[in-house]
């Protein structure tokens, strides 16, 4: 934005200087013409600034919206993964409890066999 505005202003100044040097009109007419052109240039510059501000505002709104969408989808993803992890932990706890129960039963059976003399090999 700075480069285009600077280029615009430089072109405006060069054009005005060339107009003064090459103008077939009188000094009063030339000055009036320069004032009109400068005024037009200022108006165009204001329009460019307004357009740039609107574009920047729209871009900021879009960035904010996209950020919120990403945060929301990221939050949903985190929640889903957290739920998956909790379910996996519950499955692992149940499996561990079952294995522990099998191990305890096996120990009890071996103790009972040892107490009664168990089968001979």
N, C-alpha and C. Protein backbone atom coordinates (compact mmCIF):
# COMPACT_ATOMS: atom_id res chain seq x y z
N UNK A 1 0.81 -1.18 0.00
CA UNK A 1 0.00 0.00 0.00
C UNK A 1 0.86 1.25 0.00
N UNK A 2 1.92 1.23 0.76
CA UNK A 2 2.80 2.41 0.82
C UNK A 2 3.43 2.68 -0.54
N UNK A 3 3.89 1.63 -1.22
CA UNK A 3 4.55 1.81 -2.51
C UNK A 3 3.60 2.39 -3.54
N UNK A 4 2.36 1.91 -3.59
CA UNK A 4 1.42 2.41 -4.59
C UNK A 4 1.02 3.85 -4.26
N UNK A 5 0.85 4.18 -2.98
CA UNK A 5 0.51 5.55 -2.60
C UNK A 5 1.69 6.48 -2.89
N UNK A 6 2.90 6.05 -2.59
CA UNK A 6 4.08 6.87 -2.86
C UNK A 6 4.25 7.05 -4.36
N UNK A 7 4.04 6.00 -5.12
CA UNK A 7 4.14 6.09 -6.57
C UNK A 7 3.08 7.02 -7.15
N UNK A 8 1.90 6.93 -6.57
CA UNK A 8 0.83 7.82 -7.01
C UNK A 8 1.19 9.28 -6.76
N UNK A 9 1.67 9.55 -5.56
CA UNK A 9 2.03 10.93 -5.22
C UNK A 9 3.19 11.42 -6.09
N UNK A 10 4.16 10.57 -6.34
CA UNK A 10 5.30 10.95 -7.17
C UNK A 10 4.82 11.25 -8.60
N UNK A 11 3.95 10.42 -9.11
CA UNK A 11 3.40 10.66 -10.45
C UNK A 11 2.60 11.94 -10.51
N UNK A 12 1.87 12.19 -9.42
CA UNK A 12 1.09 13.42 -9.34
C UNK A 12 1.99 14.65 -9.39
N UNK A 13 3.06 14.62 -8.61
CA UNK A 13 4.00 15.75 -8.58
C UNK A 13 4.71 15.93 -9.91
N UNK A 14 5.16 14.84 -10.52
CA UNK A 14 5.85 14.92 -11.81
C UNK A 14 4.89 15.46 -12.87
N UNK A 15 3.67 14.98 -12.85
CA UNK A 15 2.67 15.45 -13.81
C UNK A 15 2.36 16.92 -13.63
N UNK A 16 2.26 17.33 -12.35
CA UNK A 16 1.98 18.75 -12.09
C UNK A 16 3.13 19.62 -12.58
N UNK A 17 4.36 19.20 -12.32
CA UNK A 17 5.52 19.98 -12.76
C UNK A 17 5.58 20.05 -14.28
N UNK A 18 5.32 18.92 -14.93
CA UNK A 18 5.34 18.91 -16.39
C UNK A 18 4.23 19.80 -16.93
N UNK A 19 3.09 19.79 -16.25
CA UNK A 19 1.97 20.62 -16.68
C UNK A 19 2.30 22.10 -16.61
N UNK A 20 2.99 22.47 -15.54
CA UNK A 20 3.38 23.88 -15.37
C UNK A 20 4.36 24.29 -16.47
N UNK A 21 5.33 23.44 -16.72
CA UNK A 21 6.37 23.78 -17.70
C UNK A 21 5.85 23.79 -19.14
N UNK A 22 4.93 22.93 -19.44
CA UNK A 22 4.48 22.80 -20.83
C UNK A 22 3.12 23.42 -21.08
N UNK A 23 2.54 24.07 -20.12
CA UNK A 23 1.17 24.59 -20.23
C UNK A 23 1.12 25.79 -21.17
N UNK A 24 0.16 25.78 -22.11
CA UNK A 24 -0.02 26.94 -22.98
C UNK A 24 -0.93 28.00 -22.34
N UNK A 25 -1.48 27.69 -21.16
CA UNK A 25 -2.41 28.61 -20.50
C UNK A 25 -1.65 29.63 -19.67
N UNK A 26 -2.39 30.64 -19.20
CA UNK A 26 -1.78 31.67 -18.36
C UNK A 26 -1.47 31.12 -16.98
N UNK A 27 -0.71 31.89 -16.19
CA UNK A 27 -0.33 31.46 -14.85
C UNK A 27 -1.53 31.22 -13.95
N UNK A 28 -2.54 32.08 -14.03
CA UNK A 28 -3.75 31.94 -13.20
C UNK A 28 -4.48 30.65 -13.58
N UNK A 29 -4.65 30.44 -14.86
CA UNK A 29 -5.34 29.23 -15.32
C UNK A 29 -4.55 27.98 -14.94
N UNK A 30 -3.26 28.05 -15.08
CA UNK A 30 -2.40 26.91 -14.74
C UNK A 30 -2.49 26.59 -13.26
N UNK A 31 -2.44 27.64 -12.42
CA UNK A 31 -2.55 27.41 -10.97
C UNK A 31 -3.92 26.81 -10.60
N UNK A 32 -4.97 27.33 -11.23
CA UNK A 32 -6.31 26.78 -10.96
C UNK A 32 -6.39 25.32 -11.39
N UNK A 33 -5.81 25.04 -12.56
CA UNK A 33 -5.79 23.66 -13.04
C UNK A 33 -5.00 22.76 -12.09
N UNK A 34 -3.86 23.26 -11.62
CA UNK A 34 -3.06 22.48 -10.67
C UNK A 34 -3.83 22.22 -9.37
N UNK A 35 -4.56 23.25 -8.88
CA UNK A 35 -5.35 23.07 -7.66
C UNK A 35 -6.42 21.98 -7.86
N UNK A 36 -7.09 22.06 -9.02
CA UNK A 36 -8.12 21.05 -9.31
C UNK A 36 -7.51 19.65 -9.37
N UNK A 37 -6.38 19.54 -10.04
CA UNK A 37 -5.72 18.23 -10.14
C UNK A 37 -5.23 17.74 -8.78
N UNK A 38 -4.69 18.65 -8.00
CA UNK A 38 -4.25 18.26 -6.65
C UNK A 38 -5.44 17.81 -5.81
N UNK A 39 -6.55 18.54 -5.94
CA UNK A 39 -7.75 18.17 -5.19
C UNK A 39 -8.24 16.80 -5.64
N UNK A 40 -8.25 16.58 -6.95
CA UNK A 40 -8.64 15.27 -7.48
C UNK A 40 -7.71 14.17 -6.98
N UNK A 41 -6.42 14.49 -6.96
CA UNK A 41 -5.44 13.52 -6.46
C UNK A 41 -5.67 13.20 -4.99
N UNK A 42 -5.96 14.22 -4.19
CA UNK A 42 -6.25 13.99 -2.77
C UNK A 42 -7.49 13.12 -2.59
N UNK A 43 -8.53 13.43 -3.39
CA UNK A 43 -9.76 12.64 -3.30
C UNK A 43 -9.51 11.18 -3.68
N UNK A 44 -8.73 10.99 -4.75
CA UNK A 44 -8.40 9.62 -5.15
C UNK A 44 -7.60 8.91 -4.06
N UNK A 45 -6.70 9.64 -3.44
CA UNK A 45 -5.90 9.06 -2.36
C UNK A 45 -6.79 8.67 -1.18
N UNK A 46 -7.75 9.54 -0.84
CA UNK A 46 -8.70 9.22 0.25
C UNK A 46 -9.52 7.99 -0.11
N UNK A 47 -9.94 7.92 -1.38
CA UNK A 47 -10.70 6.75 -1.83
C UNK A 47 -9.86 5.48 -1.70
N UNK A 48 -8.60 5.57 -2.12
CA UNK A 48 -7.71 4.41 -1.99
C UNK A 48 -7.53 4.02 -0.53
N UNK A 49 -7.39 5.02 0.34
CA UNK A 49 -7.25 4.73 1.77
C UNK A 49 -8.51 4.06 2.31
N UNK A 50 -9.67 4.56 1.89
CA UNK A 50 -10.94 3.98 2.34
C UNK A 50 -11.07 2.54 1.87
N UNK A 51 -10.74 2.30 0.60
CA UNK A 51 -10.80 0.94 0.06
C UNK A 51 -9.84 0.03 0.82
N UNK A 52 -8.63 0.53 1.07
CA UNK A 52 -7.64 -0.28 1.79
C UNK A 52 -8.12 -0.58 3.20
N UNK A 53 -8.68 0.42 3.88
CA UNK A 53 -9.19 0.20 5.24
C UNK A 53 -10.31 -0.83 5.24
N UNK A 54 -11.21 -0.76 4.25
CA UNK A 54 -12.30 -1.73 4.16
C UNK A 54 -11.76 -3.14 3.91
N UNK A 55 -10.78 -3.25 3.02
CA UNK A 55 -10.19 -4.56 2.74
C UNK A 55 -9.50 -5.12 3.98
N UNK A 56 -8.76 -4.27 4.66
CA UNK A 56 -8.07 -4.71 5.87
C UNK A 56 -9.08 -5.15 6.92
N UNK A 57 -10.15 -4.38 7.06
CA UNK A 57 -11.19 -4.72 8.02
C UNK A 57 -11.82 -6.07 7.68
N UNK A 58 -12.13 -6.28 6.39
CA UNK A 58 -12.70 -7.56 5.96
C UNK A 58 -11.73 -8.71 6.21
N UNK A 59 -10.46 -8.48 5.89
CA UNK A 59 -9.46 -9.52 6.11
C UNK A 59 -9.32 -9.87 7.59
N UNK A 60 -9.32 -8.84 8.44
CA UNK A 60 -9.24 -9.09 9.88
C UNK A 60 -10.46 -9.87 10.36
N UNK A 61 -11.64 -9.53 9.84
CA UNK A 61 -12.85 -10.27 10.21
C UNK A 61 -12.75 -11.72 9.77
N UNK A 62 -12.27 -11.93 8.54
CA UNK A 62 -12.12 -13.30 8.02
C UNK A 62 -11.11 -14.08 8.84
N UNK A 63 -10.00 -13.43 9.19
CA UNK A 63 -8.98 -14.10 10.00
C UNK A 63 -9.54 -14.48 11.35
N UNK A 64 -10.28 -13.57 11.95
CA UNK A 64 -10.87 -13.85 13.26
C UNK A 64 -11.88 -15.00 13.16
N UNK A 65 -12.70 -14.98 12.12
CA UNK A 65 -13.68 -16.05 11.93
C UNK A 65 -13.00 -17.40 11.71
N UNK A 66 -11.99 -17.42 10.85
CA UNK A 66 -11.26 -18.67 10.59
C UNK A 66 -10.57 -19.17 11.85
N UNK A 67 -10.01 -18.24 12.62
CA UNK A 67 -9.35 -18.63 13.87
C UNK A 67 -10.35 -19.26 14.82
N UNK A 68 -11.53 -18.66 14.92
CA UNK A 68 -12.56 -19.22 15.80
C UNK A 68 -13.00 -20.59 15.31
N UNK A 69 -13.14 -20.75 13.99
CA UNK A 69 -13.52 -22.05 13.43
C UNK A 69 -12.45 -23.09 13.74
N UNK A 70 -11.19 -22.71 13.57
CA UNK A 70 -10.11 -23.65 13.86
C UNK A 70 -10.07 -24.02 15.33
N UNK A 71 -10.26 -23.01 16.18
CA UNK A 71 -10.28 -23.27 17.61
C UNK A 71 -11.43 -24.19 17.98
N UNK A 72 -12.60 -23.94 17.38
CA UNK A 72 -13.77 -24.77 17.67
C UNK A 72 -13.53 -26.20 17.18
N UNK A 73 -13.04 -26.33 15.95
CA UNK A 73 -12.81 -27.68 15.42
C UNK A 73 -11.68 -28.35 16.18
N UNK A 74 -10.68 -27.57 16.57
CA UNK A 74 -9.59 -28.13 17.37
C UNK A 74 -10.09 -28.57 18.73
N UNK A 75 -10.97 -27.76 19.31
CA UNK A 75 -11.55 -28.11 20.61
C UNK A 75 -12.39 -29.37 20.50
N UNK A 76 -13.17 -29.49 19.40
CA UNK A 76 -13.96 -30.69 19.19
C UNK A 76 -13.05 -31.89 19.01
N UNK A 77 -11.98 -31.70 18.27
CA UNK A 77 -11.03 -32.79 18.05
C UNK A 77 -10.39 -33.21 19.36
N UNK A 78 -10.00 -32.24 20.17
CA UNK A 78 -9.40 -32.55 21.46
C UNK A 78 -10.40 -33.29 22.33
N UNK A 79 -11.64 -32.80 22.35
CA UNK A 79 -12.68 -33.47 23.15
C UNK A 79 -12.91 -34.90 22.66
N UNK A 80 -12.96 -35.08 21.34
CA UNK A 80 -13.17 -36.42 20.79
C UNK A 80 -12.00 -37.34 21.15
N UNK A 81 -10.78 -36.84 21.01
CA UNK A 81 -9.60 -37.65 21.33
C UNK A 81 -9.55 -37.94 22.83
N UNK A 82 -9.93 -36.96 23.63
CA UNK A 82 -9.96 -37.16 25.08
C UNK A 82 -10.96 -38.26 25.42
N UNK A 83 -12.14 -38.21 24.77
CA UNK A 83 -13.16 -39.24 25.01
C UNK A 83 -12.65 -40.61 24.57
N UNK A 84 -12.00 -40.66 23.40
CA UNK A 84 -11.41 -41.93 22.93
C UNK A 84 -10.40 -42.46 23.94
N UNK A 85 -9.57 -41.56 24.45
CA UNK A 85 -8.55 -41.96 25.41
C UNK A 85 -9.19 -42.47 26.70
N UNK A 86 -10.22 -41.79 27.18
CA UNK A 86 -10.91 -42.25 28.39
C UNK A 86 -11.54 -43.62 28.18
N UNK A 87 -12.13 -43.83 27.01
CA UNK A 87 -12.72 -45.14 26.70
C UNK A 87 -11.63 -46.21 26.65
N UNK A 88 -10.50 -45.90 26.04
CA UNK A 88 -9.40 -46.86 25.97
C UNK A 88 -8.89 -47.19 27.37
N UNK A 89 -8.82 -46.18 28.23
CA UNK A 89 -8.38 -46.42 29.61
C UNK A 89 -9.36 -47.33 30.32
N UNK A 90 -10.66 -47.11 30.13
CA UNK A 90 -11.67 -47.95 30.76
C UNK A 90 -11.57 -49.40 30.27
N UNK A 91 -11.37 -49.58 28.97
CA UNK A 91 -11.21 -50.93 28.41
C UNK A 91 -9.97 -51.58 29.01
N UNK A 92 -8.87 -50.82 29.10
CA UNK A 92 -7.64 -51.36 29.66
C UNK A 92 -7.83 -51.72 31.14
N UNK A 93 -8.56 -50.92 31.89
CA UNK A 93 -8.82 -51.22 33.30
C UNK A 93 -9.64 -52.49 33.44
N UNK A 94 -10.66 -52.63 32.59
CA UNK A 94 -11.47 -53.86 32.64
C UNK A 94 -10.63 -55.08 32.30
N UNK A 95 -9.81 -54.95 31.24
CA UNK A 95 -8.96 -56.08 30.85
C UNK A 95 -7.98 -56.42 31.96
N UNK A 96 -7.41 -55.40 32.60
CA UNK A 96 -6.49 -55.62 33.70
C UNK A 96 -7.20 -56.30 34.87
N UNK A 97 -8.40 -55.86 35.18
CA UNK A 97 -9.17 -56.47 36.26
C UNK A 97 -9.47 -57.94 35.94
N UNK A 98 -9.82 -58.21 34.69
CA UNK A 98 -10.10 -59.60 34.29
C UNK A 98 -8.84 -60.46 34.40
N UNK A 99 -7.71 -59.92 33.93
CA UNK A 99 -6.45 -60.66 34.02
C UNK A 99 -6.06 -60.89 35.47
N UNK A 100 -6.27 -59.89 36.30
CA UNK A 100 -5.96 -60.02 37.73
C UNK A 100 -6.84 -61.11 38.35
N UNK A 101 -8.12 -61.12 37.97
CA UNK A 101 -9.04 -62.14 38.50
C UNK A 101 -8.61 -63.54 38.04
N UNK A 102 -8.21 -63.65 36.78
CA UNK A 102 -7.73 -64.95 36.27
C UNK A 102 -6.49 -65.38 37.03
N UNK A 103 -5.57 -64.46 37.26
CA UNK A 103 -4.34 -64.75 37.98
C UNK A 103 -4.65 -65.18 39.42
N UNK A 104 -5.54 -64.46 40.09
CA UNK A 104 -5.92 -64.82 41.46
C UNK A 104 -6.57 -66.20 41.51
N UNK A 105 -7.47 -66.49 40.58
CA UNK A 105 -8.10 -67.82 40.52
C UNK A 105 -7.06 -68.91 40.32
N UNK A 106 -6.12 -68.62 39.42
CA UNK A 106 -5.07 -69.60 39.14
C UNK A 106 -4.23 -69.85 40.39
N UNK A 107 -3.89 -68.79 41.14
CA UNK A 107 -3.12 -68.94 42.37
C UNK A 107 -3.90 -69.75 43.40
N UNK A 108 -5.20 -69.41 43.55
CA UNK A 108 -6.02 -70.15 44.52
C UNK A 108 -6.08 -71.64 44.17
N UNK A 109 -6.26 -71.91 42.87
CA UNK A 109 -6.32 -73.32 42.46
C UNK A 109 -5.01 -74.04 42.76
N UNK A 110 -3.88 -73.36 42.51
CA UNK A 110 -2.59 -73.97 42.81
C UNK A 110 -2.40 -74.17 44.31
N UNK A 111 -2.87 -73.21 45.11
CA UNK A 111 -2.76 -73.35 46.57
C UNK A 111 -3.60 -74.52 47.05
N UNK A 112 -4.81 -74.62 46.51
CA UNK A 112 -5.70 -75.72 46.91
C UNK A 112 -5.08 -77.05 46.51
N UNK A 113 -4.55 -77.12 45.30
CA UNK A 113 -3.90 -78.35 44.84
C UNK A 113 -2.71 -78.69 45.72
N UNK A 114 -1.94 -77.66 46.11
CA UNK A 114 -0.78 -77.90 46.96
C UNK A 114 -1.22 -78.39 48.33
N UNK A 115 -2.33 -77.85 48.84
CA UNK A 115 -2.80 -78.26 50.17
C UNK A 115 -3.34 -79.68 50.17
N UNK A 116 -4.01 -80.06 49.10
CA UNK A 116 -4.58 -81.43 49.09
C UNK A 116 -3.62 -82.42 48.47
N UNK A 117 -2.53 -81.99 48.08
CA UNK A 117 -1.53 -82.91 47.56
C UNK A 117 -1.41 -82.89 46.08
N UNK A 118 -2.33 -82.30 45.42
CA UNK A 118 -2.30 -82.06 44.00
C UNK A 118 -2.07 -83.31 43.19
N UNK A 119 -2.25 -83.19 41.93
CA UNK A 119 -2.02 -84.36 41.05
C UNK A 119 -0.55 -84.68 40.94
N UNK A 120 -0.27 -85.97 40.87
CA UNK A 120 1.13 -86.40 40.75
C UNK A 120 1.52 -86.42 39.32
N UNK A 121 2.72 -85.95 39.04
CA UNK A 121 3.20 -85.89 37.65
C UNK A 121 3.84 -87.16 37.26
